[in-house]
PDB file of all heavy atoms in Angstrom:
ATOM      1  N   ALA A   1      17.211   3.815   2.915  1.00  0.00           N
ATOM      2  CA  ALA A   1      15.763   3.490   2.819  1.00  0.00           C
ATOM      3  C   ALA A   1      15.258   3.441   1.412  1.00  0.00           C
ATOM      4  O   ALA A   1      14.107   3.073   1.146  1.00  0.00           O
ATOM      5  CB  ALA A   1      14.977   4.586   3.583  1.00  0.00           C
ATOM      6  N   GLU A   2      16.105   3.775   0.402  1.00  0.00           N
ATOM      7  CA  GLU A   2      15.768   3.706  -0.986  1.00  0.00           C
ATOM      8  C   GLU A   2      15.624   2.244  -1.420  1.00  0.00           C
ATOM      9  O   GLU A   2      16.394   1.395  -1.039  1.00  0.00           O
ATOM     10  CB  GLU A   2      16.782   4.469  -1.822  1.00  0.00           C
ATOM     11  CG  GLU A   2      16.916   5.921  -1.531  1.00  0.00           C
ATOM     12  CD  GLU A   2      15.594   6.659  -1.851  1.00  0.00           C
ATOM     13  OE1 GLU A   2      14.974   6.400  -2.875  1.00  0.00           O
ATOM     14  OE2 GLU A   2      15.260   7.533  -1.012  1.00  0.00           O
ATOM     15  N   PRO A   3      14.592   1.938  -2.310  1.00  0.00           N
ATOM     16  CA  PRO A   3      14.513   0.619  -2.836  1.00  0.00           C
ATOM     17  C   PRO A   3      15.672   0.271  -3.682  1.00  0.00           C
ATOM     18  O   PRO A   3      16.212   1.113  -4.453  1.00  0.00           O
ATOM     19  CB  PRO A   3      13.184   0.667  -3.693  1.00  0.00           C
ATOM     20  CG  PRO A   3      12.906   2.075  -3.825  1.00  0.00           C
ATOM     21  CD  PRO A   3      13.590   2.896  -2.786  1.00  0.00           C
ATOM     22  N   VAL A   4      16.151  -0.981  -3.662  1.00  0.00           N
ATOM     23  CA  VAL A   4      17.276  -1.455  -4.414  1.00  0.00           C
ATOM     24  C   VAL A   4      16.813  -1.669  -5.836  1.00  0.00           C
ATOM     25  O   VAL A   4      17.562  -1.432  -6.814  1.00  0.00           O
ATOM     26  CB  VAL A   4      17.879  -2.720  -3.825  1.00  0.00           C
ATOM     27  CG1 VAL A   4      18.961  -3.264  -4.680  1.00  0.00           C
ATOM     28  CG2 VAL A   4      18.352  -2.440  -2.424  1.00  0.00           C
ATOM     29  N   CYS A   5      15.638  -2.164  -6.005  1.00  0.00           N
ATOM     30  CA  CYS A   5      15.083  -2.487  -7.342  1.00  0.00           C
ATOM     31  C   CYS A   5      13.783  -1.692  -7.556  1.00  0.00           C
ATOM     32  O   CYS A   5      12.939  -1.677  -6.703  1.00  0.00           O
ATOM     33  CB  CYS A   5      14.770  -4.000  -7.415  1.00  0.00           C
ATOM     34  SG  CYS A   5      13.873  -4.450  -8.856  1.00  0.00           S
ATOM     35  N   VAL A   6      13.670  -1.099  -8.704  1.00  0.00           N
ATOM     36  CA  VAL A   6      12.445  -0.324  -8.995  1.00  0.00           C
ATOM     37  C   VAL A   6      11.840  -0.733 -10.397  1.00  0.00           C
ATOM     38  O   VAL A   6      11.121  -0.003 -10.964  1.00  0.00           O
ATOM     39  CB  VAL A   6      12.631   1.187  -8.961  1.00  0.00           C
ATOM     40  CG1 VAL A   6      12.940   1.642  -7.508  1.00  0.00           C
ATOM     41  CG2 VAL A   6      13.790   1.630  -9.866  1.00  0.00           C
ATOM     42  N   PHE A   7      12.131  -1.933 -10.818  1.00  0.00           N
ATOM     43  CA  PHE A   7      11.611  -2.417 -12.099  1.00  0.00           C
ATOM     44  C   PHE A   7      11.228  -3.909 -11.904  1.00  0.00           C
ATOM     45  O   PHE A   7      11.862  -4.618 -11.158  1.00  0.00           O
ATOM     46  CB  PHE A   7      12.633  -2.337 -13.228  1.00  0.00           C
ATOM     47  CG  PHE A   7      13.088  -0.912 -13.504  1.00  0.00           C
ATOM     48  CD1 PHE A   7      14.294  -0.455 -12.987  1.00  0.00           C
ATOM     49  CD2 PHE A   7      12.282  -0.064 -14.164  1.00  0.00           C
ATOM     50  CE1 PHE A   7      14.696   0.846 -13.236  1.00  0.00           C
ATOM     51  CE2 PHE A   7      12.653   1.231 -14.399  1.00  0.00           C
ATOM     52  CZ  PHE A   7      13.878   1.685 -13.968  1.00  0.00           C
ATOM     53  N   ASN A   8      10.220  -4.377 -12.632  1.00  0.00           N
ATOM     54  CA  ASN A   8       9.830  -5.769 -12.562  1.00  0.00           C
ATOM     55  C   ASN A   8      10.893  -6.699 -13.062  1.00  0.00           C
ATOM     56  O   ASN A   8      10.978  -7.859 -12.574  1.00  0.00           O
ATOM     57  CB  ASN A   8       8.537  -6.008 -13.406  1.00  0.00           C
ATOM     58  CG  ASN A   8       7.344  -5.456 -12.764  1.00  0.00           C
ATOM     59  OD1 ASN A   8       7.321  -5.264 -11.523  1.00  0.00           O
ATOM     60  ND2 ASN A   8       6.288  -5.162 -13.531  1.00  0.00           N
ATOM     61  N   SER A   9      11.828  -6.243 -13.881  1.00  0.00           N
ATOM     62  CA  SER A   9      12.875  -7.081 -14.369  1.00  0.00           C
ATOM     63  C   SER A   9      13.881  -7.541 -13.329  1.00  0.00           C
ATOM     64  O   SER A   9      14.523  -8.600 -13.409  1.00  0.00           O
ATOM     65  CB  SER A   9      13.621  -6.390 -15.509  1.00  0.00           C
ATOM     66  OG  SER A   9      14.214  -5.228 -15.046  1.00  0.00           O
ATOM     67  N   CYS A  10      13.999  -6.765 -12.242  1.00  0.00           N
ATOM     68  CA  CYS A  10      14.919  -7.184 -11.171  1.00  0.00           C
ATOM     69  C   CYS A  10      14.189  -7.539  -9.881  1.00  0.00           C
ATOM     70  O   CYS A  10      14.794  -8.021  -8.938  1.00  0.00           O
ATOM     71  CB  CYS A  10      15.904  -6.088 -10.882  1.00  0.00           C
ATOM     72  SG  CYS A  10      15.200  -4.526 -10.267  1.00  0.00           S
ATOM     73  N   ALA A  11      12.856  -7.379  -9.838  1.00  0.00           N
ATOM     74  CA  ALA A  11      12.138  -7.655  -8.628  1.00  0.00           C
ATOM     75  C   ALA A  11      11.936  -9.153  -8.473  1.00  0.00           C
ATOM     76  O   ALA A  11      11.953  -9.930  -9.426  1.00  0.00           O
ATOM     77  CB  ALA A  11      10.751  -7.034  -8.722  1.00  0.00           C
ATOM     78  N   SER A  12      11.866  -9.607  -7.239  1.00  0.00           N
ATOM     79  CA  SER A  12      11.671 -10.992  -6.935  1.00  0.00           C
ATOM     80  C   SER A  12      10.317 -11.216  -6.265  1.00  0.00           C
ATOM     81  O   SER A  12       9.664 -10.298  -5.918  1.00  0.00           O
ATOM     82  CB  SER A  12      12.807 -11.563  -6.076  1.00  0.00           C
ATOM     83  OG  SER A  12      12.869 -10.875  -4.858  1.00  0.00           O
ATOM     84  N   SER A  13       9.956 -12.511  -6.145  1.00  0.00           N
ATOM     85  CA  SER A  13       8.666 -12.834  -5.606  1.00  0.00           C
ATOM     86  C   SER A  13       8.666 -14.125  -4.859  1.00  0.00           C
ATOM     87  O   SER A  13       9.634 -14.905  -4.984  1.00  0.00           O
ATOM     88  CB  SER A  13       7.558 -12.877  -6.712  1.00  0.00           C
ATOM     89  OG  SER A  13       7.900 -13.891  -7.634  1.00  0.00           O
ATOM     90  N   VAL A  14       7.615 -14.401  -4.200  1.00  0.00           N
ATOM     91  CA  VAL A  14       7.350 -15.674  -3.527  1.00  0.00           C
ATOM     92  C   VAL A  14       6.034 -16.204  -3.996  1.00  0.00           C
ATOM     93  O   VAL A  14       5.163 -15.397  -4.403  1.00  0.00           O
ATOM     94  CB  VAL A  14       7.391 -15.600  -1.941  1.00  0.00           C
ATOM     95  CG1 VAL A  14       8.786 -15.232  -1.490  1.00  0.00           C
ATOM     96  CG2 VAL A  14       6.386 -14.652  -1.471  1.00  0.00           C
ATOM     97  N   THR A  15       5.857 -17.512  -3.975  1.00  0.00           N
ATOM     98  CA  THR A  15       4.634 -18.170  -4.542  1.00  0.00           C
ATOM     99  C   THR A  15       4.004 -18.928  -3.433  1.00  0.00           C
ATOM    100  O   THR A  15       4.671 -19.707  -2.723  1.00  0.00           O
ATOM    101  CB  THR A  15       5.052 -19.018  -5.726  1.00  0.00           C
ATOM    102  OG1 THR A  15       5.670 -18.227  -6.721  1.00  0.00           O
ATOM    103  CG2 THR A  15       3.812 -19.660  -6.326  1.00  0.00           C
ATOM    104  N   ALA A  16       2.637 -18.875  -3.413  1.00  0.00           N
ATOM    105  CA  ALA A  16       1.862 -19.710  -2.567  1.00  0.00           C
ATOM    106  C   ALA A  16       0.841 -20.465  -3.424  1.00  0.00           C
ATOM    107  O   ALA A  16       0.160 -19.854  -4.271  1.00  0.00           O
ATOM    108  CB  ALA A  16       1.097 -18.828  -1.552  1.00  0.00           C
ATOM    109  N   VAL A  17       0.804 -21.785  -3.267  1.00  0.00           N
ATOM    110  CA  VAL A  17      -0.090 -22.661  -4.081  1.00  0.00           C
ATOM    111  C   VAL A  17      -1.151 -23.191  -3.167  1.00  0.00           C
ATOM    112  O   VAL A  17      -0.959 -23.623  -2.080  1.00  0.00           O
ATOM    113  CB  VAL A  17       0.710 -23.829  -4.697  1.00  0.00           C
ATOM    114  CG1 VAL A  17      -0.226 -24.769  -5.401  1.00  0.00           C
ATOM    115  CG2 VAL A  17       1.786 -23.307  -5.623  1.00  0.00           C
ATOM    116  N   VAL A  18      -2.408 -23.040  -3.727  1.00  0.00           N
ATOM    117  CA  VAL A  18      -3.602 -23.559  -2.989  1.00  0.00           C
ATOM    118  C   VAL A  18      -4.287 -24.630  -3.915  1.00  0.00           C
ATOM    119  O   VAL A  18      -4.656 -24.252  -5.023  1.00  0.00           O
ATOM    120  CB  VAL A  18      -4.561 -22.483  -2.619  1.00  0.00           C
ATOM    121  CG1 VAL A  18      -5.791 -23.007  -1.933  1.00  0.00           C
ATOM    122  CG2 VAL A  18      -3.894 -21.413  -1.743  1.00  0.00           C
ATOM    123  N   GLN A  19      -4.361 -25.784  -3.418  1.00  0.00           N
ATOM    124  CA  GLN A  19      -5.031 -26.850  -4.168  1.00  0.00           C
ATOM    125  C   GLN A  19      -6.364 -27.168  -3.515  1.00  0.00           C
ATOM    126  O   GLN A  19      -6.371 -27.681  -2.358  1.00  0.00           O
ATOM    127  CB  GLN A  19      -4.199 -28.136  -4.220  1.00  0.00           C
ATOM    128  CG  GLN A  19      -4.765 -29.266  -5.047  1.00  0.00           C
ATOM    129  CD  GLN A  19      -4.695 -29.035  -6.529  1.00  0.00           C
ATOM    130  OE1 GLN A  19      -3.652 -28.657  -7.059  1.00  0.00           O
ATOM    131  NE2 GLN A  19      -5.764 -29.269  -7.226  1.00  0.00           N
ATOM    132  N   GLY A  20      -7.452 -26.793  -4.090  1.00  0.00           N
ATOM    133  CA  GLY A  20      -8.779 -26.960  -3.454  1.00  0.00           C
ATOM    134  C   GLY A  20      -9.501 -28.168  -4.013  1.00  0.00           C
ATOM    135  O   GLY A  20      -8.998 -28.934  -4.831  1.00  0.00           O
ATOM    136  N   PRO A  21     -10.714 -28.384  -3.580  1.00  0.00           N
ATOM    137  CA  PRO A  21     -11.498 -29.520  -4.055  1.00  0.00           C
ATOM    138  C   PRO A  21     -11.935 -29.285  -5.524  1.00  0.00           C
ATOM    139  O   PRO A  21     -11.872 -28.167  -6.020  1.00  0.00           O
ATOM    140  CB  PRO A  21     -12.695 -29.545  -3.109  1.00  0.00           C
ATOM    141  CG  PRO A  21     -12.854 -28.113  -2.611  1.00  0.00           C
ATOM    142  CD  PRO A  21     -11.404 -27.575  -2.599  1.00  0.00           C
ATOM    143  N   ASP A  22     -12.380 -30.327  -6.122  1.00  0.00           N
ATOM    144  CA  ASP A  22     -12.882 -30.261  -7.535  1.00  0.00           C
ATOM    145  C   ASP A  22     -11.909 -29.715  -8.498  1.00  0.00           C
ATOM    146  O   ASP A  22     -12.243 -28.874  -9.348  1.00  0.00           O
ATOM    147  CB  ASP A  22     -14.232 -29.498  -7.537  1.00  0.00           C
ATOM    148  CG  ASP A  22     -15.287 -30.125  -6.683  1.00  0.00           C
ATOM    149  OD1 ASP A  22     -15.337 -31.343  -6.605  1.00  0.00           O
ATOM    150  OD2 ASP A  22     -16.100 -29.360  -6.090  1.00  0.00           O
ATOM    151  N   ASN A  23     -10.625 -30.094  -8.415  1.00  0.00           N
ATOM    152  CA  ASN A  23      -9.587 -29.608  -9.297  1.00  0.00           C
ATOM    153  C   ASN A  23      -9.449 -28.072  -9.364  1.00  0.00           C
ATOM    154  O   ASN A  23      -9.271 -27.495 -10.407  1.00  0.00           O
ATOM    155  CB  ASN A  23      -9.810 -30.115 -10.766  1.00  0.00           C
ATOM    156  CG  ASN A  23      -9.621 -31.599 -10.833  1.00  0.00           C
ATOM    157  OD1 ASN A  23      -8.811 -32.188 -10.114  1.00  0.00           O
ATOM    158  ND2 ASN A  23     -10.418 -32.261 -11.620  1.00  0.00           N
ATOM    159  N   ASP A  24      -9.591 -27.419  -8.269  1.00  0.00           N
ATOM    160  CA  ASP A  24      -9.368 -25.995  -8.138  1.00  0.00           C
ATOM    161  C   ASP A  24      -7.955 -25.712  -7.705  1.00  0.00           C
ATOM    162  O   ASP A  24      -7.562 -25.906  -6.569  1.00  0.00           O
ATOM    163  CB  ASP A  24     -10.353 -25.409  -7.144  1.00  0.00           C
ATOM    164  CG  ASP A  24     -10.276 -23.866  -7.014  1.00  0.00           C
ATOM    165  OD1 ASP A  24      -9.851 -23.233  -7.991  1.00  0.00           O
ATOM    166  OD2 ASP A  24     -10.631 -23.385  -5.956  1.00  0.00           O
ATOM    167  N   TYR A  25      -7.103 -25.250  -8.623  1.00  0.00           N
ATOM    168  CA  TYR A  25      -5.759 -24.993  -8.373  1.00  0.00           C
ATOM    169  C   TYR A  25      -5.477 -23.487  -8.536  1.00  0.00           C
ATOM    170  O   TYR A  25      -5.929 -22.880  -9.531  1.00  0.00           O
ATOM    171  CB  TYR A  25      -4.873 -25.708  -9.420  1.00  0.00           C
ATOM    172  CG  TYR A  25      -3.424 -25.527  -9.267  1.00  0.00           C
ATOM    173  CD1 TYR A  25      -2.619 -26.242  -8.459  1.00  0.00           C
ATOM    174  CD2 TYR A  25      -2.783 -24.486  -9.992  1.00  0.00           C
ATOM    175  CE1 TYR A  25      -1.272 -26.044  -8.342  1.00  0.00           C
ATOM    176  CE2 TYR A  25      -1.423 -24.238  -9.862  1.00  0.00           C
ATOM    177  CZ  TYR A  25      -0.674 -25.036  -9.041  1.00  0.00           C
ATOM    178  OH  TYR A  25       0.673 -24.829  -8.900  1.00  0.00           O
ATOM    179  N   ARG A  26      -4.805 -22.907  -7.570  1.00  0.00           N
ATOM    180  CA  ARG A  26      -4.496 -21.454  -7.652  1.00  0.00           C
ATOM    181  C   ARG A  26      -3.055 -21.248  -7.207  1.00  0.00           C
ATOM    182  O   ARG A  26      -2.608 -21.820  -6.192  1.00  0.00           O
ATOM    183  CB  ARG A  26      -5.418 -20.622  -6.711  1.00  0.00           C
ATOM    184  CG  ARG A  26      -6.857 -20.671  -7.297  1.00  0.00           C
ATOM    185  CD  ARG A  26      -7.788 -19.830  -6.515  1.00  0.00           C
ATOM    186  NE  ARG A  26      -9.146 -20.052  -6.999  1.00  0.00           N
ATOM    187  CZ  ARG A  26     -10.067 -19.180  -6.910  1.00  0.00           C
ATOM    188  NH1 ARG A  26      -9.841 -18.000  -6.395  1.00  0.00           N
ATOM    189  NH2 ARG A  26     -11.302 -19.465  -7.347  1.00  0.00           N
ATOM    190  N   ARG A  27      -2.350 -20.375  -7.961  1.00  0.00           N
ATOM    191  CA  ARG A  27      -0.976 -20.038  -7.610  1.00  0.00           C
ATOM    192  C   ARG A  27      -0.920 -18.517  -7.423  1.00  0.00           C
ATOM    193  O   ARG A  27      -1.209 -17.757  -8.364  1.00  0.00           O
ATOM    194  CB  ARG A  27      -0.051 -20.517  -8.710  1.00  0.00           C
ATOM    195  CG  ARG A  27       1.375 -20.270  -8.406  1.00  0.00           C
ATOM    196  CD  ARG A  27       2.359 -20.958  -9.435  1.00  0.00           C
ATOM    197  NE  ARG A  27       1.834 -21.059 -10.767  1.00  0.00           N
ATOM    198  CZ  ARG A  27       1.933 -22.179 -11.487  1.00  0.00           C
ATOM    199  NH1 ARG A  27       2.561 -23.246 -11.015  1.00  0.00           N
ATOM    200  NH2 ARG A  27       1.487 -22.174 -12.752  1.00  0.00           N
ATOM    201  N   TYR A  28      -0.611 -18.072  -6.210  1.00  0.00           N
ATOM    202  CA  TYR A  28      -0.545 -16.660  -5.885  1.00  0.00           C
ATOM    203  C   TYR A  28       0.909 -16.232  -5.814  1.00  0.00           C
ATOM    204  O   TYR A  28       1.733 -16.915  -5.172  1.00  0.00           O
ATOM    205  CB  TYR A  28      -1.224 -16.352  -4.531  1.00  0.00           C
ATOM    206  CG  TYR A  28      -2.655 -16.730  -4.480  1.00  0.00           C
ATOM    207  CD1 TYR A  28      -3.110 -18.006  -4.093  1.00  0.00           C
ATOM    208  CD2 TYR A  28      -3.647 -15.783  -4.827  1.00  0.00           C
ATOM    209  CE1 TYR A  28      -4.466 -18.292  -4.008  1.00  0.00           C
ATOM    210  CE2 TYR A  28      -4.990 -16.040  -4.738  1.00  0.00           C
ATOM    211  CZ  TYR A  28      -5.384 -17.333  -4.354  1.00  0.00           C
ATOM    212  OH  TYR A  28      -6.726 -17.639  -4.314  1.00  0.00           O
ATOM    213  N   LYS A  29       1.298 -15.129  -6.483  1.00  0.00           N
ATOM    214  CA  LYS A  29       2.628 -14.611  -6.405  1.00  0.00           C
ATOM    215  C   LYS A  29       2.589 -13.244  -5.748  1.00  0.00           C
ATOM    216  O   LYS A  29       1.792 -12.369  -6.073  1.00  0.00           O
ATOM    217  CB  LYS A  29       3.213 -14.464  -7.800  1.00  0.00           C
ATOM    218  CG  LYS A  29       3.493 -15.807  -8.446  1.00  0.00           C
ATOM    219  CD  LYS A  29       4.224 -15.655  -9.783  1.00  0.00           C
ATOM    220  CE  LYS A  29       4.477 -17.061 -10.368  1.00  0.00           C
ATOM    221  NZ  LYS A  29       5.152 -16.940 -11.619  1.00  0.00           N
ATOM    222  N   PHE A  30       3.511 -13.114  -4.722  1.00  0.00           N
ATOM    223  CA  PHE A  30       3.617 -11.914  -3.973  1.00  0.00           C
ATOM    224  C   PHE A  30       5.027 -11.346  -4.117  1.00  0.00           C
ATOM    225  O   PHE A  30       6.049 -12.106  -4.092  1.00  0.00           O
ATOM    226  CB  PHE A  30       3.352 -12.154  -2.477  1.00  0.00           C
ATOM    227  CG  PHE A  30       1.974 -12.593  -2.168  1.00  0.00           C
ATOM    228  CD1 PHE A  30       1.644 -13.962  -2.157  1.00  0.00           C
ATOM    229  CD2 PHE A  30       0.980 -11.707  -1.886  1.00  0.00           C
ATOM    230  CE1 PHE A  30       0.387 -14.381  -1.871  1.00  0.00           C
ATOM    231  CE2 PHE A  30      -0.323 -12.103  -1.552  1.00  0.00           C
ATOM    232  CZ  PHE A  30      -0.614 -13.459  -1.586  1.00  0.00           C
ATOM    233  N   GLY A  31       5.137 -10.037  -4.278  1.00  0.00           N
ATOM    234  CA  GLY A  31       6.451  -9.433  -4.389  1.00  0.00           C
ATOM    235  C   GLY A  31       7.173  -9.443  -3.039  1.00  0.00           C
ATOM    236  O   GLY A  31       6.526  -9.361  -2.027  1.00  0.00           O
ATOM    237  N   ASN A  32       8.465  -9.498  -3.109  1.00  0.00           N
ATOM    238  CA  ASN A  32       9.279  -9.392  -1.892  1.00  0.00           C
ATOM    239  C   ASN A  32      10.502  -8.538  -2.077  1.00  0.00           C
ATOM    240  O   ASN A  32      11.529  -8.729  -1.407  1.00  0.00           O
ATOM    241  CB  ASN A  32       9.619 -10.800  -1.314  1.00  0.00           C
ATOM    242  CG  ASN A  32      10.549 -11.580  -2.218  1.00  0.00           C
ATOM    243  OD1 ASN A  32      10.855 -11.156  -3.314  1.00  0.00           O
ATOM    244  ND2 ASN A  32      10.902 -12.739  -1.738  1.00  0.00           N
ATOM    245  N   SER A  33      10.479  -7.593  -2.984  1.00  0.00           N
ATOM    246  CA  SER A  33      11.550  -6.676  -3.145  1.00  0.00           C
ATOM    247  C   SER A  33      11.285  -5.398  -2.297  1.00  0.00           C
ATOM    248  O   SER A  33      10.239  -4.728  -2.453  1.00  0.00           O
ATOM    249  CB  SER A  33      11.701  -6.242  -4.631  1.00  0.00           C
ATOM    250  OG  SER A  33      12.122  -7.341  -5.336  1.00  0.00           O
ATOM    251  N   TYR A  34      12.240  -5.074  -1.478  1.00  0.00           N
ATOM    252  CA  TYR A  34      12.084  -4.006  -0.427  1.00  0.00           C
ATOM    253  C   TYR A  34      11.643  -2.698  -1.068  1.00  0.00           C
ATOM    254  O   TYR A  34      12.199  -2.187  -2.038  1.00  0.00           O
ATOM    255  CB  TYR A  34      13.443  -3.799   0.256  1.00  0.00           C
ATOM    256  CG  TYR A  34      13.531  -2.637   1.212  1.00  0.00           C
ATOM    257  CD1 TYR A  34      12.809  -2.726   2.368  1.00  0.00           C
ATOM    258  CD2 TYR A  34      14.263  -1.540   0.888  1.00  0.00           C
ATOM    259  CE1 TYR A  34      12.857  -1.660   3.292  1.00  0.00           C
ATOM    260  CE2 TYR A  34      14.299  -0.476   1.813  1.00  0.00           C
ATOM    261  CZ  TYR A  34      13.613  -0.535   2.962  1.00  0.00           C
ATOM    262  OH  TYR A  34      13.656   0.507   3.849  1.00  0.00           O
ATOM    263  N   ARG A  35      10.548  -2.181  -0.516  1.00  0.00           N
ATOM    264  CA  ARG A  35       9.972  -0.850  -0.895  1.00  0.00           C
ATOM    265  C   ARG A  35       9.575  -0.766  -2.345  1.00  0.00           C
ATOM    266  O   ARG A  35       9.336   0.376  -2.832  1.00  0.00           O
ATOM    267  CB  ARG A  35      10.860   0.256  -0.478  1.00  0.00           C
ATOM    268  CG  ARG A  35      11.004   0.370   1.023  1.00  0.00           C
ATOM    269  CD  ARG A  35      11.574   1.674   1.466  1.00  0.00           C
ATOM    270  NE  ARG A  35      10.584   2.753   1.195  1.00  0.00           N
ATOM    271  CZ  ARG A  35      10.856   4.013   1.219  1.00  0.00           C
ATOM    272  NH1 ARG A  35      12.134   4.413   1.429  1.00  0.00           N
ATOM    273  NH2 ARG A  35      10.015   4.918   1.030  1.00  0.00           N
ATOM    274  N   TYR A  36       9.508  -1.827  -3.087  1.00  0.00           N
ATOM    275  CA  TYR A  36       9.053  -1.775  -4.462  1.00  0.00           C
ATOM    276  C   TYR A  36       7.688  -2.563  -4.585  1.00  0.00           C
ATOM    277  O   TYR A  36       6.659  -1.978  -4.797  1.00  0.00           O
ATOM    278  CB  TYR A  36      10.093  -2.377  -5.417  1.00  0.00           C
ATOM    279  CG  TYR A  36       9.590  -2.438  -6.846  1.00  0.00           C
ATOM    280  CD1 TYR A  36       9.274  -1.294  -7.551  1.00  0.00           C
ATOM    281  CD2 TYR A  36       9.386  -3.664  -7.443  1.00  0.00           C
ATOM    282  CE1 TYR A  36       8.799  -1.362  -8.847  1.00  0.00           C
ATOM    283  CE2 TYR A  36       8.901  -3.756  -8.768  1.00  0.00           C
ATOM    284  CZ  TYR A  36       8.615  -2.576  -9.418  1.00  0.00           C
ATOM    285  OH  TYR A  36       8.102  -2.692 -10.712  1.00  0.00           O
ATOM    286  N   ASN A  37       7.751  -3.849  -4.384  1.00  0.00           N
ATOM    287  CA  ASN A  37       6.535  -4.672  -4.449  1.00  0.00           C
ATOM    288  C   ASN A  37       6.392  -5.553  -3.226  1.00  0.00           C
ATOM    289  O   ASN A  37       5.612  -6.503  -3.249  1.00  0.00           O
ATOM    290  CB  ASN A  37       6.496  -5.493  -5.730  1.00  0.00           C
ATOM    291  CG  ASN A  37       7.580  -6.558  -5.747  1.00  0.00           C
ATOM    292  OD1 ASN A  37       8.347  -6.710  -4.831  1.00  0.00           O
ATOM    293  ND2 ASN A  37       7.631  -7.267  -6.866  1.00  0.00           N
ATOM    294  N   GLU A  38       7.082  -5.221  -2.183  1.00  0.00           N
ATOM    295  CA  GLU A  38       7.069  -6.034  -0.979  1.00  0.00           C
ATOM    296  C   GLU A  38       5.694  -6.249  -0.399  1.00  0.00           C
ATOM    297  O   GLU A  38       4.989  -5.320  -0.052  1.00  0.00           O
ATOM    298  CB  GLU A  38       7.964  -5.351   0.083  1.00  0.00           C
ATOM    299  CG  GLU A  38       8.185  -6.077   1.357  1.00  0.00           C
ATOM    300  CD  GLU A  38       9.127  -5.350   2.255  1.00  0.00           C
ATOM    301  OE1 GLU A  38       9.268  -4.132   2.162  1.00  0.00           O
ATOM    302  OE2 GLU A  38       9.726  -6.011   3.161  1.00  0.00           O
ATOM    303  N   GLY A  39       5.286  -7.552  -0.330  1.00  0.00           N
ATOM    304  CA  GLY A  39       4.031  -7.893   0.237  1.00  0.00           C
ATOM    305  C   GLY A  39       2.801  -7.730  -0.689  1.00  0.00           C
ATOM    306  O   GLY A  39       1.702  -8.030  -0.277  1.00  0.00           O
TER     307      GLY A  39
END
């Protein structure tokens, strides 16, 4: 149950991009390293 990674240097993430009206661009990054930054 211990996290494999406990530092940002080894943590991974996923990205969600939202392109809205009027040139509104947003890129959201979410962690996905188990028990470190997951979600």
